[in-house]
Protein backbone atom coordinates (compact mmCIF):
# COMPACT_ATOMS: atom_id res chain seq x y z
CA MET A 1 14.52 16.22 26.35
CA ASP A 2 11.41 18.83 25.29
CA GLY A 3 14.02 20.05 22.80
CA ILE A 4 14.84 16.60 21.27
CA GLN A 5 10.91 16.38 20.71
CA THR A 6 10.49 19.69 19.23
CA ILE A 7 13.48 18.62 16.89
CA LEU A 8 11.74 15.60 16.25
CA LYS A 9 8.69 17.37 15.50
CA PHE A 10 10.00 19.73 13.08
CA LEU A 11 11.52 17.09 11.30
CA ILE A 12 8.59 14.85 10.79
CA ASN A 13 6.54 17.96 9.95
CA ARG A 14 8.85 18.92 7.46
CA LYS A 15 9.05 15.18 6.08
CA THR A 16 8.44 15.87 2.90
CA ALA A 17 10.90 19.05 1.89
CA ILE A 18 13.54 16.67 3.69
CA GLY A 19 12.66 13.83 1.49
CA TYR A 20 12.87 15.58 -1.55
CA SER A 21 16.13 17.15 -0.42
CA PHE A 22 17.83 13.83 0.15
CA MET A 23 16.61 12.74 -3.25
CA ALA A 24 18.05 15.68 -4.87
CA LEU A 25 21.42 15.09 -3.12
CA LEU A 26 21.26 11.17 -3.81
CA THR A 27 20.45 12.36 -7.54
CA VAL A 28 23.48 15.00 -7.99
CA GLY A 29 26.20 12.14 -6.40
CA SER A 30 24.73 8.99 -8.55
CA GLU A 31 24.98 11.70 -11.43
CA ARG A 32 28.63 12.71 -10.52
CA LEU A 33 29.58 8.78 -9.47
CA PHE A 34 28.40 8.04 -13.42
CA SER A 35 30.34 10.76 -14.78
CA LEU A 36 33.92 9.29 -12.81
CA VAL A 37 33.47 5.96 -13.09
CA ALA A 38 31.12 4.60 -15.55
CA PHE A 39 31.08 7.05 -18.38
CA LYS A 40 33.52 6.65 -21.00
CA CYS A 41 32.66 8.72 -24.18
CA PRO A 42 33.96 6.83 -27.26
CA CYS A 43 34.45 9.85 -29.26
CA SER A 44 33.67 7.62 -32.61
CA ASN A 45 30.23 7.63 -34.43
CA GLU A 46 28.56 5.73 -31.61
CA ASN A 47 29.15 9.14 -29.84
CA PHE A 48 25.18 10.05 -29.82
CA ILE A 49 23.87 6.94 -29.12
CA TYR A 50 26.38 6.35 -26.08
CA GLY A 51 25.47 9.44 -24.67
CA LEU A 52 21.92 9.27 -24.78
CA VAL A 53 21.76 5.82 -23.45
CA PHE A 54 23.82 7.42 -20.24
CA LEU A 55 21.74 10.12 -20.33
CA PHE A 56 18.16 8.94 -20.49
CA ALA A 57 18.57 5.14 -19.46
CA PRO A 58 18.95 6.06 -15.58
CA ALA A 59 15.56 8.34 -15.89
CA CYS A 60 13.85 5.97 -17.31
CA VAL A 61 14.83 3.18 -14.19
CA LEU A 62 13.77 5.61 -11.77
CA LEU A 63 10.75 5.97 -13.74
CA VAL A 64 9.95 1.83 -13.31
CA ILE A 65 11.57 2.11 -10.10
CA GLY A 66 9.07 5.28 -9.15
CA TYR A 67 6.21 2.83 -9.94
CA PHE A 68 7.12 -0.13 -7.81
CA MET A 69 7.45 2.20 -4.65
CA ASN A 70 3.98 4.15 -5.53
CA SER A 71 1.52 2.55 -3.01
CA ARG A 72 -1.15 3.64 -5.09
CA MET A 73 -0.09 2.26 -8.16
CA TRP A 74 -0.86 -1.36 -6.41
CA LYS A 75 -3.92 -0.43 -5.17
CA LEU A 76 -5.14 0.51 -8.37
CA PHE A 77 -3.95 -2.36 -10.41
CA THR A 78 -3.96 -5.03 -7.64
CA GLY A 79 -6.91 -7.30 -8.92
CA CYS A 80 -8.06 -5.27 -11.60
CA CYS A 81 -7.15 -8.79 -13.85
CA LEU A 82 -10.22 -10.44 -11.93
CA ASN A 83 -12.12 -7.34 -11.85
CA PRO A 84 -11.72 -4.76 -14.75
CA ARG A 85 -14.56 -2.76 -13.06
CA LYS A 86 -12.30 -1.79 -10.55
CA ILE A 87 -10.21 0.54 -12.78
CA PHE A 88 -13.06 1.06 -15.03
CA PRO A 89 -15.91 1.43 -12.94
CA LYS A 90 -19.36 2.11 -14.37
CA ARG A 91 -20.32 5.68 -15.36
CA ASN A 92 -16.87 6.88 -14.82
CA SER A 93 -14.59 5.21 -17.69
CA CYS A 94 -11.85 7.60 -17.10
CA HIS A 95 -11.37 7.20 -13.32
CA PHE A 96 -8.18 5.02 -14.56
CA PHE A 97 -6.19 7.50 -16.76
CA TYR A 98 -6.78 9.99 -14.01
CA VAL A 99 -5.27 8.03 -11.30
CA PHE A 100 -2.78 6.73 -13.47
CA GLY A 101 -1.69 10.38 -14.02
CA GLN A 102 -1.91 11.48 -10.52
CA ILE A 103 0.37 8.60 -9.74
CA THR A 104 2.68 9.25 -13.33
CA LEU A 105 3.17 12.84 -12.10
CA ASN A 106 4.44 11.77 -8.80
CA VAL A 107 6.49 9.10 -10.11
CA LEU A 108 8.34 11.75 -12.59
CA ILE A 109 9.76 13.39 -9.79
CA ALA A 110 13.18 11.75 -9.78
CA PRO A 111 13.66 10.80 -13.59
CA VAL A 112 13.31 14.53 -13.79
CA MET A 113 15.64 15.76 -11.42
CA TRP A 114 18.12 13.07 -12.88
CA LEU A 115 17.82 14.81 -16.16
CA SER A 116 18.32 18.58 -15.20
CA VAL A 117 21.30 17.28 -13.06
CA ALA A 118 22.90 15.29 -16.23
CA LEU A 119 22.40 18.11 -18.55
CA LEU A 120 23.58 20.92 -15.69
CA ASN A 121 26.50 19.12 -15.68
CA GLY A 122 26.91 18.64 -19.64
CA THR A 123 29.23 15.64 -19.97
CA PHE A 124 26.41 13.15 -21.09
CA TYR A 125 24.71 15.92 -23.82
CA GLU A 126 28.42 17.55 -24.69
CA CYS A 127 29.53 13.24 -25.83
CA ALA A 128 26.08 12.60 -27.74
CA MET A 129 25.36 15.84 -29.85
CA SER A 130 29.21 15.49 -31.21
CA GLY A 131 28.06 12.38 -32.76
CA LEU A 132 25.25 14.05 -34.06
CA LYS A 133 25.72 13.78 -37.99
CA TYR A 134 22.51 16.11 -38.94
CA PRO A 135 23.36 19.08 -41.33
CA GLY A 136 21.80 21.51 -39.88
CA PHE A 137 23.13 21.07 -36.38
CA LEU A 138 26.80 20.49 -37.96
CA ASN A 139 26.33 24.09 -39.69
CA THR A 140 25.09 26.20 -36.81
CA LEU A 141 27.70 24.55 -34.67
CA CYS A 142 30.85 24.98 -36.66
CA ASN A 143 29.75 28.18 -38.49
CA ASN A 144 32.69 30.25 -39.01
CA LYS A 145 35.16 26.61 -38.13
CA SER A 146 37.78 25.59 -40.06
CA VAL A 147 36.78 22.26 -41.99
CA ARG A 148 38.19 19.55 -39.39
CA CYS A 149 35.25 20.84 -37.29
CA TRP A 150 33.06 18.35 -39.87
CA GLU A 151 35.35 15.56 -39.83
CA GLU A 152 36.41 15.35 -35.96
CA LEU A 153 33.35 16.91 -33.94
CA ASN A 154 32.88 13.38 -32.49
CA LYS A 155 36.71 13.55 -31.20
CA VAL A 156 36.14 17.02 -29.36
CA ALA A 157 35.11 15.41 -26.13
CA CYS A 158 37.93 13.36 -25.41
CA GLY A 159 39.93 16.36 -26.75
CA LYS A 160 42.00 14.39 -29.30
CA THR A 161 41.07 16.71 -32.11
CA THR A 162 43.77 18.30 -34.95
CA MET A 163 42.16 21.67 -34.86
CA SER A 164 43.75 24.27 -32.41
CA SER A 165 42.93 24.44 -29.17
CA SER A 166 40.92 27.21 -28.60
CA GLU A 167 38.61 25.80 -31.36
CA SER A 168 37.76 22.67 -29.59
CA GLU A 169 37.55 24.32 -26.67
CA GLU A 170 35.12 27.08 -27.86
CA LEU A 171 32.93 24.08 -29.31
CA LYS A 172 33.31 22.03 -26.11
CA LEU A 173 31.78 24.97 -24.24
CA THR A 174 29.21 25.77 -26.86
CA LEU A 175 28.37 21.98 -26.32
CA GLN A 176 28.13 22.46 -22.36
CA ALA A 177 26.06 25.58 -22.89
CA GLN A 178 23.42 23.97 -24.51
CA SER A 179 23.18 21.72 -22.39
CA GLN A 180 22.63 23.84 -19.40
CA VAL A 181 20.07 25.78 -21.35
CA LEU A 182 18.11 22.75 -21.42
CA GLY A 183 18.54 21.86 -17.96
CA TRP A 184 17.63 24.78 -16.74
CA CYS A 185 14.35 24.96 -19.10
CA ILE A 186 13.64 21.56 -18.10
CA ILE A 187 13.97 22.87 -14.37
CA VAL A 188 11.97 25.96 -15.13
CA THR A 189 9.26 23.81 -16.92
CA THR A 190 8.65 21.59 -14.38
CA ALA A 191 8.46 24.68 -11.47
CA LEU A 192 6.19 25.88 -13.21
CA LEU A 193 3.58 22.95 -14.35
CA SER A 194 4.11 22.07 -10.76
CA LEU A 195 3.00 25.74 -9.72
CA LEU A 196 -0.12 26.01 -11.98
CA THR A 197 -1.70 22.38 -11.46
CA THR A 198 -1.19 23.20 -7.49
CA CYS A 199 -2.63 26.08 -8.11
CA CYS A 200 -5.60 24.40 -10.63
CA ALA A 201 -6.60 21.64 -7.99
CA ARG A 202 -6.66 24.31 -4.62
CA CYS A 203 -9.15 26.73 -7.02
CA GLN A 204 -11.22 23.74 -7.55
CA SER A 205 -11.19 21.87 -3.87
CA LYS A 206 -14.32 21.49 -2.21
CA ILE A 207 -12.14 21.27 1.14
CA SER A 208 -11.21 24.30 3.46
CA HIS A 209 -7.40 24.61 4.02
CA LEU A 210 -8.03 23.87 8.06
CA GLN A 211 -9.82 20.71 7.05
CA MET A 212 -7.69 19.73 5.12
CA LYS A 213 -4.90 20.37 7.19
CA PHE A 214 -6.67 17.86 10.11
CA TRP A 215 -7.64 15.78 6.86
CA ARG A 216 -3.72 15.14 5.88
CA ILE A 217 -2.73 14.52 10.19
CA TYR A 218 -6.17 11.92 10.46
CA ILE A 219 -4.56 9.87 7.24
CA GLU A 220 -0.95 10.06 8.86
CA LYS A 221 -2.25 8.41 12.18
CA GLU A 222 -4.46 5.85 10.45
CA ARG A 223 -1.45 4.60 9.05
CA GLU A 224 0.54 4.40 11.62
CA GLN A 225 -2.09 2.91 14.12
CA LEU A 226 -2.91 0.20 10.90
CA GLU A 227 0.84 -0.72 10.46
CA GLN A 228 1.01 -1.29 14.25
CA LEU A 229 -2.27 -3.01 14.47
CA PHE A 230 -1.36 -5.29 11.45
CA GLN A 231 1.64 -6.34 13.96
CA LEU A 232 -0.03 -6.89 16.71
CA TYR A 233 -3.07 -9.01 15.20
CA ALA A 234 -0.27 -11.03 13.08
CA THR A 235 1.61 -11.81 16.62
CA LYS A 236 -1.76 -12.96 18.28
CA LEU A 237 -2.60 -15.05 15.43
CA SER A 238 0.35 -16.75 14.68
CA GLU A 239 0.94 -17.43 18.53
CA ARG A 240 -2.90 -18.72 18.05
CA ASN A 241 -2.12 -21.22 15.62
CA LEU A 242 1.16 -22.61 17.26
CA THR A 243 -0.28 -22.78 20.49
CA SER A 244 -2.94 -25.13 18.59
CA PHE A 245 -0.40 -26.58 17.02
CA PHE A 246 2.08 -28.05 19.55
CA GLU A 247 -1.13 -28.43 22.26
CA ASN A 248 -3.03 -30.85 19.89
CA LYS A 249 -6.09 -28.70 20.77
CA GLU A 250 -8.71 -26.88 18.49
CA PRO A 251 -7.83 -23.20 18.20
CA ASP A 252 -9.78 -20.36 19.87
CA ALA A 253 -12.00 -17.72 17.41
CA PHE A 254 -10.46 -15.43 16.04
CA PRO A 255 -12.33 -12.49 14.05
CA MET A 256 -11.00 -11.37 11.30
CA PRO A 257 -12.12 -9.11 8.31
CA THR A 258 -13.99 -11.05 5.36
CA PHE A 259 -12.48 -11.10 1.92
CA ARG A 260 -14.82 -8.59 0.73
CA ALA A 261 -14.09 -6.34 3.65
CA TRP A 262 -10.51 -6.53 2.93
CA GLU A 263 -11.18 -5.72 -0.68
CA ASP A 264 -13.74 -2.98 -0.04
CA ALA A 265 -10.43 -1.45 2.47
CA SER A 266 -8.11 -1.78 -0.63
CA GLN A 267 -9.88 0.67 -2.90
CA LEU A 268 -8.28 4.04 -3.61
CA TYR A 269 -10.16 6.72 -1.75
CA SER A 270 -12.53 9.17 -3.61
CA PHE A 271 -13.95 12.22 -1.87
CA ASN A 272 -17.89 12.77 -1.85
CA SER A 273 -18.95 16.15 -0.39
CA SER A 274 -22.47 14.17 0.78
CA GLU A 275 -20.15 12.23 3.16
CA GLN A 276 -17.43 13.18 5.64
CA HIS A 277 -15.26 10.36 5.58
CA TYR A 278 -11.49 10.85 5.23
CA SER A 279 -10.25 7.96 4.20
CA THR A 280 -11.81 4.15 2.65
CA LEU A 281 -11.43 2.24 6.07
CA HIS A 282 -13.51 5.70 7.30
CA ARG A 283 -16.18 4.96 4.66
CA LEU A 284 -16.36 1.27 5.46
CA VAL A 285 -16.48 1.65 9.04
CA GLU A 286 -19.08 3.79 8.60
CA ASP A 287 -21.51 2.47 5.99
CA GLY A 288 -20.31 -0.51 6.14
CA LYS A 289 -20.49 -3.32 2.92
CA LYS A 290 -22.44 -0.82 0.96
CA ASP A 291 -20.87 0.01 -2.72
CA ILE A 292 -18.72 2.84 -2.53
CA SER A 293 -17.16 2.35 -5.89
CA GLU A 294 -19.48 4.20 -7.80
CA GLU A 295 -20.04 8.12 -6.86
CA ARG A 296 -16.31 9.99 -7.63
CA GLU A 297 -16.32 13.52 -7.52
CA THR A 298 -12.44 13.86 -7.16
CA MET A 299 -9.61 11.87 -6.20
CA LEU A 300 -7.09 13.06 -3.14
CA ASP A 301 -3.99 11.62 -3.84
CA PHE A 302 -2.43 11.86 -0.30
CA VAL A 303 -4.98 9.63 0.95
CA ASP A 304 -3.85 6.67 -0.86
CA GLY A 305 -0.12 7.67 -1.09
CA ARG A 306 2.56 7.63 0.63
CA GLU A 307 5.21 10.49 2.10
CA ILE A 308 8.61 10.63 0.57
CA VAL A 309 10.50 9.98 4.05
């Protein structure tokens, strides 16, 4: 039993890494499935558009899905049409762009993974670039090649050219090499940017490492207990209403948060060094209905966001 608990604790502590690993495996599997089942390069003048669609359309779909599944996204936008001050508060008009930028950086992980895997495979890029008619590109690719390279490049991906097999294979390998170089460039650039942004955020952090560790544990526990209390109170309220209906009697008093309290508790968290509050709900409980949307020193995305599971 202790061994099982140890394994579960390890998996919970490493769930972010496990989540990203699962996402990477899912991306690789999806790309291979698209390549083998759905992708059929037309080997015509439509190569360029067809290849780019398969390269970028899934990335756009993943981007949209990422926005839909991001909890901070809906905390930010829910009710903003009725209350524009929610996303453009007084004295902090850049608040919306800062938070939306943080959301976008998190959401971009899956699309970047797709582009990287697709480019490393090279199938989509090979099809797309074999249909490109830009003279500069053709001059570079078909340098020291026969005239047929200019005329039949769009058939290279299908192996239906009248060029010699060695020349056709060399063109395919060149296109695949270009694709893989671009893929590695995206991976290296993303890794360096992630490292730089993390280092900058930590260097400017007003919170110590140990307090940050405690904070993350608190947020996780608050989320777990909040879900449990949602279930508990929803069950109690539904039982109370059904009992009142079927027994034809006045319902018992049932205390619930006010609309203003629900609205305040749904706001994105903002850190203020003068107060030691670990979440929006914590601040609301401590300060009551005090306006909590004016002073914002910085935003902590892990407070409102959900880890990948």
